[in-house]
C-alpha atoms as a PDB file:
ATOM      1  CA  ARG A   1      29.989  -4.233 -10.465  1.00  0.00           C
ATOM      2  CA  TYR A   2      26.520  -2.991 -11.371  1.00  0.00           C
ATOM      3  CA  LEU A   3      23.364  -4.602 -10.014  1.00  0.00           C
ATOM      4  CA  PRO A   4      20.297  -4.157 -12.262  1.00  0.00           C
ATOM      5  CA  VAL A   5      16.952  -4.116 -10.516  1.00  0.00           C
ATOM      6  CA  ASP A   6      16.066  -7.696 -11.543  1.00  0.00           C
ATOM      7  CA  ALA A   7      19.302  -9.024 -10.090  1.00  0.00           C
ATOM      8  CA  PHE A   8      18.725  -7.049  -6.907  1.00  0.00           C
ATOM      9  CA  VAL A   9      15.799  -9.224  -5.774  1.00  0.00           C
ATOM     10  CA  ARG A  10      18.009 -11.665  -3.869  1.00  0.00           C
ATOM     11  CA  ILE A  11      19.580  -8.823  -1.928  1.00  0.00           C
ATOM     12  CA  THR A  12      16.146  -7.423  -1.106  1.00  0.00           C
ATOM     13  CA  LYS A  13      14.844 -10.800   0.070  1.00  0.00           C
ATOM     14  CA  GLU A  14      17.864 -12.575   1.568  1.00  0.00           C
ATOM     15  CA  VAL A  15      20.091  -9.774   2.839  1.00  0.00           C
ATOM     16  CA  CYS A  16      17.595  -7.068   3.752  1.00  0.00           C
ATOM     17  CA  GLN A  17      14.819  -9.591   4.507  1.00  0.00           C
ATOM     18  CA  PHE A  18      12.155  -7.443   2.933  1.00  0.00           C
ATOM     19  CA  PRO A  19       9.261  -8.851   0.872  1.00  0.00           C
ATOM     20  CA  THR A  20      10.030  -9.474  -2.801  1.00  0.00           C
ATOM     21  CA  PHE A  21       7.748  -6.659  -3.961  1.00  0.00           C
ATOM     22  CA  PHE A  22       9.844  -4.180  -1.971  1.00  0.00           C
ATOM     23  CA  ASN A  23      12.610  -4.667  -4.518  1.00  0.00           C
ATOM     24  CA  ALA A  24      11.925  -1.775  -6.908  1.00  0.00           C
ATOM     25  CA  PRO A  25      11.123   0.812  -4.192  1.00  0.00           C
ATOM     26  CA  LEU A  26      14.253  -0.197  -2.245  1.00  0.00           C
ATOM     27  CA  TYR A  27      16.326   0.062  -5.425  1.00  0.00           C
ATOM     28  CA  ARG A  28      14.964   3.550  -6.113  1.00  0.00           C
ATOM     29  CA  ARG A  29      15.564   4.599  -2.516  1.00  0.00           C
ATOM     30  CA  ILE A  30      19.235   3.639  -2.753  1.00  0.00           C
ATOM     31  CA  LEU A  31      19.598   5.599  -5.994  1.00  0.00           C
ATOM     32  CA  ASP A  32      17.771   8.616  -4.579  1.00  0.00           C
ATOM     33  CA  GLN A  33      19.849   8.806  -1.431  1.00  0.00           C
ATOM     34  CA  TRP A  34      23.145   8.115  -3.200  1.00  0.00           C
ATOM     35  CA  ASN A  35      22.522  10.785  -5.827  1.00  0.00           C
ATOM     36  CA  ALA A  36      21.295  13.280  -3.237  1.00  0.00           C
ATOM     37  CA  LYS A  37      24.413  12.803  -1.132  1.00  0.00           C
ATOM     38  CA  HIS A  38      27.021  12.613  -3.880  1.00  0.00           C
ATOM     39  CA  ASN A  39      25.568  15.211  -6.253  1.00  0.00           C
ATOM     40  CA  GLY A  40      24.961  17.915  -3.677  1.00  0.00           C
ATOM     41  CA  GLY A  41      21.184  17.596  -3.755  1.00  0.00           C
ATOM     42  CA  ALA A  42      18.912  17.642  -0.742  1.00  0.00           C
ATOM     43  CA  ASP A  43      17.068  14.357  -0.332  1.00  0.00           C
ATOM     44  CA  ASN A  44      13.592  15.493   0.588  1.00  0.00           C
ATOM     45  CA  GLY A  45      11.914  12.277  -0.578  1.00  0.00           C
ATOM     46  CA  ALA A  46      10.316  14.023  -3.536  1.00  0.00           C
ATOM     47  CA  SER A  47      12.974  13.306  -6.151  1.00  0.00           C
ATOM     48  CA  ARG A  48      12.863  10.168  -8.220  1.00  0.00           C
ATOM     49  CA  ILE A  49      15.105   8.877 -10.999  1.00  0.00           C
ATOM     50  CA  PRO A  50      12.851   8.958 -14.082  1.00  0.00           C
ATOM     51  CA  ALA A  51      15.408   7.359 -16.424  1.00  0.00           C
ATOM     52  CA  LEU A  52      15.940   4.181 -14.374  1.00  0.00           C
ATOM     53  CA  ASP A  53      16.579   1.326 -16.806  1.00  0.00           C
ATOM     54  CA  LEU A  54      14.832  -1.701 -15.379  1.00  0.00           C
ATOM     55  CA  ASN A  55      16.267  -3.906 -18.118  1.00  0.00           C
ATOM     56  CA  ALA A  56      19.916  -3.130 -17.437  1.00  0.00           C
ATOM     57  CA  THR A  57      22.362  -6.009 -17.216  1.00  0.00           C
ATOM     58  CA  GLU A  58      25.251  -6.651 -14.852  1.00  0.00           C
ATOM     59  CA  THR A  59      27.648  -5.731 -17.644  1.00  0.00           C
ATOM     60  CA  THR A  60      26.282  -2.199 -17.860  1.00  0.00           C
ATOM     61  CA  ASP A  61      29.033   0.208 -18.855  1.00  0.00           C
ATOM     62  CA  SER A  62      29.898   3.066 -16.551  1.00  0.00           C
ATOM     63  CA  ALA A  63      28.698   5.579 -19.139  1.00  0.00           C
ATOM     64  CA  ASP A  64      25.322   3.873 -19.329  1.00  0.00           C
ATOM     65  CA  ALA A  65      24.980   3.727 -15.544  1.00  0.00           C
ATOM     66  CA  THR A  66      25.008   7.502 -15.133  1.00  0.00           C
ATOM     67  CA  ASN A  67      22.761  10.240 -16.385  1.00  0.00           C
ATOM     68  CA  ALA A  68      24.896  12.218 -18.807  1.00  0.00           C
ATOM     69  CA  ALA A  69      23.039  15.443 -18.038  1.00  0.00           C
ATOM     70  CA  GLY A  70      23.524  15.442 -14.280  1.00  0.00           C
ATOM     71  CA  GLY A  71      26.021  12.695 -13.531  1.00  0.00           C
ATOM     72  CA  GLU A  72      23.410  10.851 -11.443  1.00  0.00           C
ATOM     73  CA  MET A  73      23.673   7.102 -11.045  1.00  0.00           C
ATOM     74  CA  GLU A  74      20.845   5.133 -12.630  1.00  0.00           C
ATOM     75  CA  VAL A  75      22.040   1.641 -11.681  1.00  0.00           C
ATOM     76  CA  VAL A  76      22.995   0.503  -8.199  1.00  0.00           C
ATOM     77  CA  THR A  77      26.520  -0.780  -7.702  1.00  0.00           C
ATOM     78  CA  TYR A  78      27.783  -3.102  -5.003  1.00  0.00           C
ATOM     79  CA  GLY A  79      29.585  -0.171  -3.401  1.00  0.00           C
ATOM     80  CA  MET A  80      26.385   1.904  -3.361  1.00  0.00           C
ATOM     81  CA  PHE A  81      24.463  -0.882  -1.669  1.00  0.00           C
ATOM     82  CA  LYS A  82      27.221  -1.384   0.888  1.00  0.00           C
ATOM     83  CA  TRP A  83      27.143   2.339   1.657  1.00  0.00           C
ATOM     84  CA  TYR A  84      23.346   2.303   2.024  1.00  0.00           C
ATOM     85  CA  TRP A  85      23.395  -0.844   4.151  1.00  0.00           C
ATOM     86  CA  THR A  86      25.992   0.462   6.610  1.00  0.00           C
ATOM     87  CA  THR A  87      24.403   3.912   6.950  1.00  0.00           C
ATOM     88  CA  GLU A  88      20.703   3.015   6.894  1.00  0.00           C
ATOM     89  CA  MET A  89      20.167  -0.638   7.830  1.00  0.00           C
ATOM     90  CA  GLU A  90      23.014  -2.533   9.486  1.00  0.00           C
ATOM     91  CA  GLU A  91      22.696  -1.315  13.060  1.00  0.00           C
ATOM     92  CA  TYR A  92      18.903  -1.634  13.216  1.00  0.00           C
ATOM     93  CA  ASP A  93      16.543  -4.570  13.765  1.00  0.00           C
ATOM     94  CA  ALA A  94      13.872  -5.738  11.294  1.00  0.00           C
ATOM     95  CA  SER A  95      11.167  -3.434  12.640  1.00  0.00           C
ATOM     96  CA  GLU A  96      13.308  -0.311  12.447  1.00  0.00           C
ATOM     97  CA  ARG A  97      14.622  -1.221   8.995  1.00  0.00           C
ATOM     98  CA  PHE A  98      11.043  -1.545   7.740  1.00  0.00           C
ATOM     99  CA  PHE A  99      10.143   1.809   9.261  1.00  0.00           C
ATOM    100  CA  ARG A 100      13.217   3.569   7.858  1.00  0.00           C
ATOM    101  CA  LEU A 101      12.569   2.275   4.344  1.00  0.00           C
ATOM    102  CA  ILE A 102       8.855   3.103   4.191  1.00  0.00           C
ATOM    103  CA  LYS A 103       9.102   6.646   5.568  1.00  0.00           C
ATOM    104  CA  GLN A 104      10.748   9.472   3.673  1.00  0.00           C
ATOM    105  CA  PRO A 105      14.428   9.927   4.605  1.00  0.00           C
ATOM    106  CA  ASP A 106      13.916  13.264   6.351  1.00  0.00           C
ATOM    107  CA  ALA A 107      10.689  12.292   8.134  1.00  0.00           C
ATOM    108  CA  GLU A 108      10.092  10.940  11.624  1.00  0.00           C
ATOM    109  CA  TYR A 109       6.915   9.059  10.733  1.00  0.00           C
ATOM    110  CA  ILE A 110       5.111   7.273   7.903  1.00  0.00           C
ATOM    111  CA  VAL A 111       2.235   8.935   6.047  1.00  0.00           C
ATOM    112  CA  ARG A 112      -0.278   7.309   3.730  1.00  0.00           C
ATOM    113  CA  ASP A 113       1.488   8.192   0.481  1.00  0.00           C
ATOM    114  CA  ASP A 114       4.628   6.403   1.678  1.00  0.00           C
ATOM    115  CA  PHE A 115       2.934   3.020   1.279  1.00  0.00           C
ATOM    116  CA  LEU A 116       1.718   3.608  -2.296  1.00  0.00           C
ATOM    117  CA  PRO A 117       4.868   2.446  -4.171  1.00  0.00           C
ATOM    118  CA  TYR A 118       4.856  -0.829  -2.238  1.00  0.00           C
ATOM    119  CA  ILE A 119       1.168  -1.589  -2.769  1.00  0.00           C
ATOM    120  CA  GLN A 120       1.537  -0.696  -6.450  1.00  0.00           C
ATOM    121  CA  GLU A 121       4.358  -3.250  -6.739  1.00  0.00           C
ATOM    122  CA  LEU A 122       2.197  -5.808  -4.942  1.00  0.00           C
ATOM    123  CA  LEU A 123      -0.611  -5.197  -7.442  1.00  0.00           C
ATOM    124  CA  LYS A 124       1.824  -5.652 -10.305  1.00  0.00           C
ATOM    125  CA  ASP A 125       3.454  -8.847  -9.040  1.00  0.00           C
ATOM    126  CA  HIS A 126       1.018 -10.796  -6.867  1.00  0.00           C
ATOM    127  CA  PRO A 127      -0.705 -13.708  -8.686  1.00  0.00           C
ATOM    128  CA  GLY A 128      -3.840 -13.241  -6.583  1.00  0.00           C
ATOM    129  CA  LEU A 129      -4.294  -9.712  -7.938  1.00  0.00           C
ATOM    130  CA  GLU A 130      -3.421 -10.388 -11.565  1.00  0.00           C
ATOM    131  CA  PHE A 131      -7.085 -10.204 -12.582  1.00  0.00           C
ATOM    132  CA  LEU A 132      -7.039  -6.484 -11.688  1.00  0.00           C
ATOM    133  CA  SER A 133      -4.375  -5.715 -14.286  1.00  0.00           C
ATOM    134  CA  ASN A 134      -6.963  -4.277 -16.691  1.00  0.00           C
ATOM    135  CA  HIS A 135      -8.822  -2.368 -13.989  1.00  0.00           C
ATOM    136  CA  ALA A 136      -6.613   0.621 -13.169  1.00  0.00           C
ATOM    137  CA  GLU A 137      -9.417   2.397 -11.310  1.00  0.00           C
ATOM    138  CA  PHE A 138      -9.918  -0.526  -8.967  1.00  0.00           C
ATOM    139  CA  GLN A 139      -6.200  -1.033  -8.514  1.00  0.00           C
ATOM    140  CA  GLU A 140      -6.143   2.460  -7.052  1.00  0.00           C
ATOM    141  CA  LYS A 141      -9.219   1.781  -4.906  1.00  0.00           C
ATOM    142  CA  TYR A 142      -7.684  -1.469  -3.638  1.00  0.00           C
ATOM    143  CA  ALA A 143      -4.416   0.285  -2.774  1.00  0.00           C
ATOM    144  CA  ILE A 144      -6.208   3.090  -0.926  1.00  0.00           C
ATOM    145  CA  THR A 145      -8.354   0.582   0.975  1.00  0.00           C
ATOM    146  CA  VAL A 146      -5.341  -1.499   2.045  1.00  0.00           C
ATOM    147  CA  ILE A 147      -3.467   1.576   3.246  1.00  0.00           C
ATOM    148  CA  THR A 148      -6.536   2.888   5.047  1.00  0.00           C
ATOM    149  CA  ARG A 149      -6.926  -0.432   6.874  1.00  0.00           C
ATOM    150  CA  ILE A 150      -3.257  -0.313   7.845  1.00  0.00           C
ATOM    151  CA  PHE A 151      -3.649   3.149   9.344  1.00  0.00           C
ATOM    152  CA  TYR A 152      -6.914   2.226  11.056  1.00  0.00           C
ATOM    153  CA  SER A 153      -5.240  -0.690  12.870  1.00  0.00           C
ATOM    154  CA  VAL A 154      -1.675   0.530  13.374  1.00  0.00           C
ATOM    155  CA  ASN A 155      -2.079   4.283  13.857  1.00  0.00           C
ATOM    156  CA  ARG A 156      -4.221   4.000  16.994  1.00  0.00           C
ATOM    157  CA  CYS A 157      -4.104   7.725  17.752  1.00  0.00           C
ATOM    158  CA  HIS A 158      -5.465   8.360  14.234  1.00  0.00           C
ATOM    159  CA  ASP A 159      -3.318  11.371  13.473  1.00  0.00           C
ATOM    160  CA  GLY A 160      -2.237  10.045  10.059  1.00  0.00           C
ATOM    161  CA  ARG A 161       1.357   9.451  11.207  1.00  0.00           C
ATOM    162  CA  ILE A 162       2.668   5.963  11.919  1.00  0.00           C
ATOM    163  CA  THR A 163       5.657   5.937  14.253  1.00  0.00           C
ATOM    164  CA  SER A 164       8.420   3.400  14.747  1.00  0.00           C
ATOM    165  CA  ARG A 165       6.877   2.380  18.043  1.00  0.00           C
ATOM    166  CA  GLN A 166       3.496   1.730  16.409  1.00  0.00           C
ATOM    167  CA  ILE A 167       5.141  -0.458  13.767  1.00  0.00           C
ATOM    168  CA  ARG A 168       6.925  -2.419  16.467  1.00  0.00           C
ATOM    169  CA  ARG A 169       3.722  -3.028  18.411  1.00  0.00           C
ATOM    170  CA  SER A 170       1.709  -4.106  15.358  1.00  0.00           C
ATOM    171  CA  ASP A 171       1.467  -7.181  13.140  1.00  0.00           C
ATOM    172  CA  LEU A 172       2.185  -5.138  10.006  1.00  0.00           C
ATOM    173  CA  ILE A 173       5.587  -6.610   9.127  1.00  0.00           C
ATOM    174  CA  ALA A 174       4.271 -10.156   9.541  1.00  0.00           C
ATOM    175  CA  ALA A 175       1.330  -9.332   7.249  1.00  0.00           C
ATOM    176  CA  PHE A 176       3.657  -7.943   4.557  1.00  0.00           C
ATOM    177  CA  GLN A 177       5.821 -11.063   4.739  1.00  0.00           C
ATOM    178  CA  LEU A 178       2.766 -13.341   4.582  1.00  0.00           C
ATOM    179  CA  VAL A 179       1.271 -11.661   1.523  1.00  0.00           C
ATOM    180  CA  ASP A 180       4.647 -12.047  -0.196  1.00  0.00           C
ATOM    181  CA  GLU A 181       4.618 -15.811   0.435  1.00  0.00           C
ATOM    182  CA  GLU A 182       0.912 -16.617   0.045  1.00  0.00           C
ATOM    183  CA  ASP A 183      -0.467 -16.905  -3.502  1.00  0.00           C
ATOM    184  CA  ASP A 184      -4.087 -16.745  -2.348  1.00  0.00           C
ATOM    185  CA  ILE A 185      -4.572 -13.089  -1.498  1.00  0.00           C
ATOM    186  CA  ASN A 186      -7.783 -13.833   0.377  1.00  0.00           C
ATOM    187  CA  LYS A 187      -5.957 -15.949   2.942  1.00  0.00           C
ATOM    188  CA  VAL A 188      -4.130 -12.828   4.104  1.00  0.00           C
ATOM    189  CA  THR A 189      -7.038 -11.466   6.090  1.00  0.00           C
ATOM    190  CA  ARG A 190      -5.022  -8.688   7.694  1.00  0.00           C
ATOM    191  CA  TYR A 191      -5.143  -5.665   5.381  1.00  0.00           C
ATOM    192  CA  PHE A 192      -4.666  -7.345   1.982  1.00  0.00           C
ATOM    193  CA  SER A 193      -7.662  -9.629   1.326  1.00  0.00           C
ATOM    194  CA  TYR A 194      -9.401  -8.773  -1.934  1.00  0.00           C
ATOM    195  CA  GLU A 195     -12.656 -10.199  -0.612  1.00  0.00           C
ATOM    196  CA  HIS A 196     -12.510  -7.763   2.294  1.00  0.00           C
ATOM    197  CA  PHE A 197     -11.851  -4.902  -0.101  1.00  0.00           C
ATOM    198  CA  TYR A 198     -14.806  -6.072  -2.200  1.00  0.00           C
ATOM    199  CA  VAL A 199     -17.139  -6.038   0.791  1.00  0.00           C
ATOM    200  CA  LEU A 200     -15.917  -2.614   1.871  1.00  0.00           C
ATOM    201  CA  TYR A 201     -16.222  -1.074  -1.551  1.00  0.00           C
ATOM    202  CA  CYS A 202     -19.672  -2.487  -2.292  1.00  0.00           C
ATOM    203  CA  ARG A 203     -21.029  -1.674   1.155  1.00  0.00           C
ATOM    204  CA  PHE A 204     -19.726   1.878   0.951  1.00  0.00           C
ATOM    205  CA  TRP A 205     -21.193   2.335  -2.522  1.00  0.00           C
ATOM    206  CA  GLU A 206     -24.507   0.958  -1.294  1.00  0.00           C
ATOM    207  CA  LEU A 207     -24.672   3.562   1.473  1.00  0.00           C
ATOM    208  CA  ASP A 208     -23.280   6.516  -0.492  1.00  0.00           C
ATOM    209  CA  HIS A 209     -26.483   7.393  -2.313  1.00  0.00           C
ATOM    210  CA  ASP A 210     -25.393  10.816  -3.562  1.00  0.00           C
ATOM    211  CA  ARG A 211     -22.011   9.450  -4.791  1.00  0.00           C
ATOM    212  CA  ASP A 212     -19.961  12.161  -3.105  1.00  0.00           C
ATOM    213  CA  TYR A 213     -17.668   9.552  -1.510  1.00  0.00           C
ATOM    214  CA  ARG A 214     -18.709  10.602   1.969  1.00  0.00           C
ATOM    215  CA  ILE A 215     -21.064   8.836   4.360  1.00  0.00           C
ATOM    216  CA  THR A 216     -23.188  11.076   6.533  1.00  0.00           C
ATOM    217  CA  ARG A 217     -25.117  10.189   9.677  1.00  0.00           C
ATOM    218  CA  GLU A 218     -28.245   9.837   7.550  1.00  0.00           C
ATOM    219  CA  ASP A 219     -26.451   7.455   5.187  1.00  0.00           C
ATOM    220  CA  LEU A 220     -25.118   5.303   8.024  1.00  0.00           C
ATOM    221  CA  LEU A 221     -28.559   5.020   9.616  1.00  0.00           C
ATOM    222  CA  LYS A 222     -29.567   2.960   6.566  1.00  0.00           C
ATOM    223  CA  TYR A 223     -26.793   0.404   7.230  1.00  0.00           C
ATOM    224  CA  GLY A 224     -28.047  -3.164   7.696  1.00  0.00           C
ATOM    225  CA  ASP A 225     -31.665  -2.260   6.976  1.00  0.00           C
ATOM    226  CA  HIS A 226     -31.659   0.441   9.663  1.00  0.00           C
ATOM    227  CA  CYS A 227     -30.156  -1.846  12.312  1.00  0.00           C
ATOM    228  CA  LEU A 228     -28.153   0.975  13.940  1.00  0.00           C
ATOM    229  CA  SER A 229     -29.881   3.354  16.317  1.00  0.00           C
ATOM    230  CA  HIS A 230     -29.385   7.108  16.283  1.00  0.00           C
ATOM    231  CA  MET A 231     -27.383   6.793  19.499  1.00  0.00           C
ATOM    232  CA  ILE A 232     -24.973   4.277  17.959  1.00  0.00           C
ATOM    233  CA  VAL A 233     -24.487   6.347  14.810  1.00  0.00           C
ATOM    234  CA  ASP A 234     -23.897   9.504  16.848  1.00  0.00           C
ATOM    235  CA  ARG A 235     -21.374   7.585  18.943  1.00  0.00           C
ATOM    236  CA  ILE A 236     -19.496   6.480  15.815  1.00  0.00           C
ATOM    237  CA  PHE A 237     -19.219  10.012  14.487  1.00  0.00           C
ATOM    238  CA  ASP A 238     -18.515  11.683  17.824  1.00  0.00           C
ATOM    239  CA  ALA A 239     -16.096   9.168  19.361  1.00  0.00           C
ATOM    240  CA  ALA A 240     -14.198   7.974  16.302  1.00  0.00           C
ATOM    241  CA  PRO A 241     -13.625  10.986  14.043  1.00  0.00           C
ATOM    242  CA  ARG A 242     -10.812  11.150  11.512  1.00  0.00           C
ATOM    243  CA  PRO A 243      -9.266  14.310  10.064  1.00  0.00           C
ATOM    244  CA  PHE A 244     -10.561  14.935   6.569  1.00  0.00           C
ATOM    245  CA  VAL A 245      -8.054  15.552   3.789  1.00  0.00           C
ATOM    246  CA  GLU A 246      -9.411  17.528   0.852  1.00  0.00           C
ATOM    247  CA  SER A 247      -6.496  17.019  -1.555  1.00  0.00           C
ATOM    248  CA  GLY A 248      -5.012  13.916  -3.141  1.00  0.00           C
ATOM    249  CA  PRO A 249      -6.577  10.453  -3.252  1.00  0.00           C
ATOM    250  CA  TRP A 250      -7.310  10.354   0.501  1.00  0.00           C
ATOM    251  CA  THR A 251     -10.969  11.393   0.426  1.00  0.00           C
ATOM    252  CA  GLY A 252     -14.327   9.800   1.054  1.00  0.00           C
ATOM    253  CA  ALA A 253     -14.186   6.274   2.459  1.00  0.00           C
ATOM    254  CA  GLU A 254     -10.573   6.762   3.493  1.00  0.00           C
ATOM    255  CA  GLU A 255     -11.357   9.575   5.941  1.00  0.00           C
ATOM    256  CA  GLY A 256     -14.078  10.438   8.423  1.00  0.00           C
ATOM    257  CA  GLY A 257     -16.161   8.576  10.963  1.00  0.00           C
ATOM    258  CA  ASP A 258     -17.437   6.156   8.312  1.00  0.00           C
ATOM    259  CA  GLU A 259     -14.062   4.383   8.492  1.00  0.00           C
ATOM    260  CA  ALA A 260     -15.088   2.835  11.810  1.00  0.00           C
ATOM    261  CA  ALA A 261     -18.269   1.450  10.282  1.00  0.00           C
ATOM    262  CA  ALA A 262     -16.316   0.101   7.308  1.00  0.00           C
ATOM    263  CA  ALA A 263     -13.885  -1.699   9.590  1.00  0.00           C
ATOM    264  CA  ALA A 264     -16.790  -3.163  11.536  1.00  0.00           C
ATOM    265  CA  ALA A 265     -18.369  -4.453   8.321  1.00  0.00           C
ATOM    266  CA  VAL A 266     -15.183  -6.274   7.355  1.00  0.00           C
ATOM    267  CA  ASN A 267     -14.900  -7.983  10.732  1.00  0.00           C
ATOM    268  CA  ASP A 268     -18.563  -8.963  10.877  1.00  0.00           C
ATOM    269  CA  PRO A 269     -18.785 -12.681   9.941  1.00  0.00           C
ATOM    270  CA  ALA A 270     -22.422 -12.173   8.977  1.00  0.00           C
ATOM    271  CA  SER A 271     -21.477  -9.699   6.246  1.00  0.00           C
ATOM    272  CA  PRO A 272     -21.419 -11.602   2.928  1.00  0.00           C
ATOM    273  CA  PRO A 273     -19.478 -10.322  -0.080  1.00  0.00           C
ATOM    274  CA  LEU A 274     -21.864  -8.187  -2.098  1.00  0.00           C
ATOM    275  CA  SER A 275     -22.089  -8.741  -5.821  1.00  0.00           C
ATOM    276  CA  PRO A 276     -21.671  -5.701  -8.073  1.00  0.00           C
ATOM    277  CA  ALA A 277     -25.294  -6.006  -9.163  1.00  0.00           C
ATOM    278  CA  SER A 278     -26.729  -6.007  -5.644  1.00  0.00           C
ATOM    279  CA  ALA A 279     -24.607  -3.025  -4.678  1.00  0.00           C
ATOM    280  CA  ASP A 280     -25.305  -1.114  -7.902  1.00  0.00           C
ATOM    281  CA  VAL A 281     -21.624  -1.140  -8.848  1.00  0.00           C
ATOM    282  CA  SER A 282     -21.648  -3.138 -12.042  1.00  0.00           C
ATOM    283  CA  ASP A 283     -18.158  -1.972 -12.951  1.00  0.00           C
ATOM    284  CA  ALA A 284     -16.528  -3.523  -9.853  1.00  0.00           C
ATOM    285  CA  PRO A 285     -14.477  -6.566 -10.894  1.00  0.00           C
ATOM    286  CA  ASP A 286     -15.439  -9.842  -9.217  1.00  0.00           C
ATOM    287  CA  LYS A 287     -12.302 -11.965  -8.679  1.00  0.00           C
ATOM    288  CA  ASP A 288     -13.930 -15.381  -9.149  1.00  0.00           C
ATOM    289  CA  GLN A 289     -15.873 -14.240 -12.208  1.00  0.00           C
ATOM    290  CA  GLU A 290     -12.730 -12.804 -13.804  1.00  0.00           C
ATOM    291  CA  VAL A 291     -10.904 -16.106 -13.348  1.00  0.00           C
ATOM    292  CA  GLN A 292     -13.892 -18.154 -14.503  1.00  0.00           C
ATOM    293  CA  ASP A 293     -14.213 -16.080 -17.671  1.00  0.00           C
ATOM    294  CA  GLY A 294     -10.560 -16.829 -18.315  1.00  0.00           C
ATOM    295  CA  GLY A 295     -11.207 -20.562 -18.140  1.00  0.00           C
ATOM    296  CA  ASP A 296      -8.865 -21.171 -15.239  1.00  0.00           C
ATOM    297  CA  LYS A 297     -10.928 -20.879 -12.101  1.00  0.00           C
ATOM    298  CA  THR A 298      -9.178 -22.173  -9.022  1.00  0.00           C
ATOM    299  CA  LYS A 299     -10.104 -22.393  -5.355  1.00  0.00           C
END
């Protein structure tokens, strides 16, 4: 019996007890690991099944469920899920299952890129983020900001590698479950709030005068109308550094000592959400304005 991705949601939610938006990444993980094991390939986490038919039905023929070129499965069967469950999930608790799914199969820790498929699914499915559907640039910025906040809070040693122990000691799983159940994204103040992202993005843009996506000591001295002393700014940069990554999307606000200032801005109750106009970022989508323009503004 074949299980198309749409029919797999109940297994994701009720059996595996993962959030609903974990469905597609979990489905792909099962296919990746099954094909790697049964087709002699090495599962290094880099391979993906490009021909996955998300519209397949439960009556999919065997010929349609495999890639004719390589004999790789493109639809999960009950037997494949049972194999994955018994080898990867059954003997572990909820925290370890979460960790094992997010990380790459051959890794001992989670890196930033590992979260991207899950945040992308959240952006696609969550009603509170629907207004971003026509703003691909800000979908990416939102995803990077969420993941950066996760690493800032969970990865306390700040080496860019989240361990199983760090997951277990954090509130991350509870936050993922809450955002899956809560339609108002701004009520999920841990990691996922769009309003928090909006403040972070606008405040960063306000300080980054040369638009190089890096905040220097001189830039940070201008924060809050020069409310931070030289000693405080030096302390931020000297005591809370982050390794800087030159390649990929993890640049600028996501790395460096400015991350500590960004986190402080989010948690400061006196920091109001900045409008795009006041922050000189007229292209940043305002959630309430998007909904109001659509004639269906809700609170």
